[in-house]
Amino acid sequence: LSILPPAVRWQYEQYLANPLLWTKTKKFYKKKILPGTDEYKYLQDVFFGFLQASPEIEINEAYAIFNPLLVTSFCNYREIITTRMVESPRIFAKQSWRSSKNHKIKSIVYDKYLERCASISWNDQLDVPILLTCHITDYSVAMSIASTGFSSLSSTDAGWYGVGVYFTTYAMYACKYYSNRADPA
């Protein structure tokens, strides 16, 4: 955990400090985030602040999730990516999309990405930024993600930048995907 910025690892440190407040499932721990707590205020700051959600959106329930295996995996893979980016940027920081037919609009999106990265202070010290993002899915899929991580299936939507799992730094953009879910999360 020490390679993560303090603002990213605080939730995990809370678990380590007091595991009895968390409910154990088969593969992860969860804790309901209650209104009026510092955690809830942080969630609101991120959701309505950085992610720019509309104040008309109501948060009905929120949970903190801690999966030690996924956190360790993230830290290890992040270290690999950082090493690759620093040692071989021509290979691992390619921007071949700049020669695509939509390169102008994709360049605008990329510039916005850089702006969002720069707006988070912990990224000042990182070679590879960490962003706060939204990923919309169904509740059962969210619990699967919390257990085993995101799938790398190539059967997912081809998307605008290619096949992959998509995230956004704007909650309102995600709403159009949220509204058609049977049990959204």
Protein backbone atom coordinates (compact mmCIF):
# COMPACT_ATOMS: atom_id res chain seq x y z
CA LEU A 1 0.00 0.00 0.00
CA SER A 2 2.87 2.38 0.60
CA ILE A 3 3.32 3.02 -3.15
CA LEU A 4 -0.19 4.52 -3.29
CA PRO A 5 -0.78 8.20 -2.51
CA PRO A 6 -2.22 8.69 1.01
CA ALA A 7 -5.54 9.98 -0.33
CA VAL A 8 -5.94 6.73 -2.30
CA ARG A 9 -4.98 4.30 0.45
CA TRP A 10 -6.87 5.84 3.39
CA GLN A 11 -9.86 3.48 3.02
CA TYR A 12 -7.61 0.42 3.08
CA GLU A 13 -5.77 1.74 6.11
CA GLN A 14 -9.13 2.17 7.86
CA TYR A 15 -9.82 -1.52 7.30
CA LEU A 16 -6.43 -2.50 8.67
CA ALA A 17 -6.96 -0.26 11.71
CA ASN A 18 -10.39 -1.69 12.56
CA PRO A 19 -11.39 -4.84 10.62
CA LEU A 20 -14.32 -5.52 12.97
CA LEU A 21 -16.31 -2.70 11.32
CA TRP A 22 -16.23 -4.56 8.02
CA THR A 23 -18.36 -7.50 6.81
CA LYS A 24 -16.42 -10.35 5.25
CA THR A 25 -17.75 -11.92 2.06
CA LYS A 26 -16.05 -14.82 0.26
CA LYS A 27 -13.42 -12.63 -1.40
CA PHE A 28 -13.68 -9.10 -0.06
CA TYR A 29 -14.68 -6.95 2.87
CA LYS A 30 -17.37 -4.30 2.74
CA LYS A 31 -18.64 -1.57 5.00
CA LYS A 32 -21.72 0.57 4.56
CA ILE A 33 -20.83 4.25 4.35
CA LEU A 34 -23.25 6.06 6.63
CA PRO A 35 -24.52 9.64 6.13
CA GLY A 36 -22.88 12.13 8.48
CA THR A 37 -19.51 10.33 8.60
CA ASP A 38 -16.20 11.59 7.21
CA GLU A 39 -16.35 8.76 4.67
CA TYR A 40 -19.75 9.91 3.45
CA LYS A 41 -18.54 13.50 3.18
CA TYR A 42 -15.52 12.30 1.17
CA LEU A 43 -17.83 10.28 -1.11
CA GLN A 44 -20.02 13.34 -1.66
CA ASP A 45 -16.98 15.53 -2.34
CA VAL A 46 -15.73 13.08 -4.96
CA PHE A 47 -19.12 12.35 -6.53
CA PHE A 48 -20.56 15.86 -6.60
CA GLY A 49 -17.21 17.65 -6.78
CA PHE A 50 -14.58 15.93 -8.90
CA LEU A 51 -17.01 13.67 -10.80
CA GLN A 52 -19.42 16.61 -11.23
CA ALA A 53 -22.63 14.70 -10.54
CA SER A 54 -25.84 16.67 -10.60
CA PRO A 55 -27.09 17.65 -7.12
CA GLU A 56 -30.42 16.15 -8.20
CA ILE A 57 -28.91 12.67 -8.02
CA GLU A 58 -29.58 10.94 -4.72
CA ILE A 59 -27.16 8.44 -3.18
CA ASN A 60 -29.37 5.71 -1.70
CA GLU A 61 -26.62 3.42 -0.43
CA ALA A 62 -22.85 3.38 -0.60
CA TYR A 63 -20.29 0.80 0.44
CA ALA A 64 -16.55 0.83 0.88
CA ILE A 65 -14.98 -2.32 -0.60
CA PHE A 66 -11.61 -3.77 0.37
CA ASN A 67 -10.22 -6.77 -1.48
CA PRO A 68 -6.64 -7.42 -0.31
CA LEU A 69 -5.84 -9.58 -3.36
CA LEU A 70 -7.03 -6.95 -5.85
CA VAL A 71 -5.27 -4.12 -4.00
CA THR A 72 -2.01 -6.09 -4.04
CA SER A 73 -2.54 -6.92 -7.72
CA PHE A 74 -3.23 -3.26 -8.53
CA CYS A 75 -0.10 -2.11 -6.69
CA ASN A 76 2.07 -4.72 -8.42
CA TYR A 77 0.69 -4.01 -11.88
CA ARG A 78 0.92 -0.27 -11.31
CA GLU A 79 4.61 -0.69 -10.51
CA ILE A 80 5.09 -2.67 -13.75
CA ILE A 81 3.27 -0.03 -15.82
CA THR A 82 5.23 2.79 -14.22
CA THR A 83 8.53 1.03 -14.96
CA ARG A 84 7.51 0.42 -18.57
CA MET A 85 6.37 4.01 -19.09
CA VAL A 86 9.57 5.45 -17.61
CA GLU A 87 12.00 3.05 -19.29
CA SER A 88 10.29 2.65 -22.72
CA PRO A 89 7.87 5.53 -23.38
CA ARG A 90 8.07 5.10 -27.18
CA ILE A 91 6.60 1.61 -26.79
CA PHE A 92 4.26 1.98 -23.82
CA ALA A 93 3.04 5.54 -24.30
CA LYS A 94 2.22 5.24 -28.00
CA GLN A 95 -0.53 7.41 -29.34
CA SER A 96 -1.29 5.69 -32.63
CA TRP A 97 -4.85 6.99 -32.34
CA ARG A 98 -3.45 10.38 -33.40
CA SER A 99 -3.36 9.10 -36.99
CA SER A 100 -6.97 7.86 -36.96
CA LYS A 101 -9.73 9.61 -38.84
CA ASN A 102 -11.21 11.00 -35.59
CA HIS A 103 -7.83 12.23 -34.30
CA LYS A 104 -8.97 15.83 -33.74
CA ILE A 105 -11.83 14.96 -31.40
CA LYS A 106 -9.77 12.22 -29.73
CA SER A 107 -7.05 14.80 -29.15
CA ILE A 108 -9.59 17.02 -27.37
CA VAL A 109 -10.58 14.07 -25.17
CA TYR A 110 -6.92 13.27 -24.46
CA ASP A 111 -6.22 16.89 -23.51
CA LYS A 112 -9.21 16.77 -21.15
CA TYR A 113 -7.77 13.57 -19.63
CA LEU A 114 -4.45 15.34 -18.99
CA GLU A 115 -6.34 18.26 -17.44
CA ARG A 116 -8.29 15.90 -15.13
CA CYS A 117 -5.04 14.15 -14.12
CA ALA A 118 -3.43 17.50 -13.31
CA SER A 119 -6.42 18.52 -11.19
CA ILE A 120 -5.65 15.81 -8.59
CA SER A 121 -2.76 16.82 -6.36
CA TRP A 122 -1.49 13.29 -5.70
CA ASN A 123 -0.65 12.98 -9.42
CA ASP A 124 2.02 15.69 -9.06
CA GLN A 125 4.45 13.05 -7.80
CA LEU A 126 3.40 10.14 -10.06
CA ASP A 127 4.81 9.10 -13.44
CA VAL A 128 1.53 7.32 -14.22
CA PRO A 129 -1.56 9.13 -12.87
CA ILE A 130 -4.37 7.64 -10.78
CA LEU A 131 -7.84 8.99 -11.55
CA LEU A 132 -11.14 8.83 -9.71
CA THR A 133 -13.66 7.42 -12.19
CA CYS A 134 -17.17 5.99 -12.63
CA HIS A 135 -17.98 2.61 -14.11
CA ILE A 136 -21.67 1.83 -14.51
CA THR A 137 -22.89 -1.74 -14.28
CA ASP A 138 -25.47 -3.93 -12.55
CA TYR A 139 -25.21 -4.63 -8.82
CA SER A 140 -24.45 -8.34 -9.33
CA VAL A 141 -21.66 -7.46 -11.77
CA ALA A 142 -20.29 -4.87 -9.31
CA MET A 143 -20.10 -7.59 -6.64
CA SER A 144 -18.29 -9.84 -9.13
CA ILE A 145 -15.84 -7.02 -9.90
CA ALA A 146 -15.26 -6.53 -6.17
CA SER A 147 -14.50 -10.27 -5.91
CA THR A 148 -12.30 -10.93 -8.92
CA GLY A 149 -11.65 -7.62 -10.66
CA PHE A 150 -12.59 -6.35 -14.09
CA SER A 151 -12.88 -8.79 -16.95
CA SER A 152 -10.62 -8.44 -19.95
CA LEU A 153 -13.08 -10.12 -22.29
CA SER A 154 -12.81 -9.07 -25.91
CA SER A 155 -16.56 -9.52 -26.28
CA THR A 156 -17.20 -6.17 -24.62
CA ASP A 157 -18.32 -3.15 -26.63
CA ALA A 158 -15.76 -2.13 -29.25
CA GLY A 159 -16.06 1.43 -28.00
CA TRP A 160 -14.65 4.60 -29.41
CA TYR A 161 -11.01 3.90 -28.53
CA GLY A 162 -11.23 0.16 -29.09
CA VAL A 163 -12.33 -2.94 -27.19
CA GLY A 164 -12.15 -2.54 -23.44
CA VAL A 165 -13.80 -1.67 -20.17
CA TYR A 166 -14.74 1.99 -20.09
CA PHE A 167 -14.69 4.52 -17.25
CA THR A 168 -15.51 8.21 -17.08
CA THR A 169 -14.47 11.09 -14.85
CA TYR A 170 -17.91 12.70 -15.33
CA ALA A 171 -20.79 11.10 -13.45
CA MET A 172 -23.40 12.79 -15.64
CA TYR A 173 -21.95 11.13 -18.75
CA ALA A 174 -22.40 7.76 -17.05
CA CYS A 175 -26.08 8.43 -16.32
CA LYS A 176 -27.19 7.42 -19.82
CA TYR A 177 -25.70 3.96 -19.14
CA TYR A 178 -27.09 3.86 -15.61
CA SER A 179 -30.72 4.49 -16.53
CA ASN A 180 -31.13 1.29 -18.56
CA ARG A 181 -29.87 -1.06 -15.82
CA ALA A 182 -32.29 -3.33 -13.97
CA ASP A 183 -30.33 -3.11 -10.71
CA PRO A 184 -27.73 -0.37 -11.29
CA ALA A 185 -24.58 0.06 -9.25
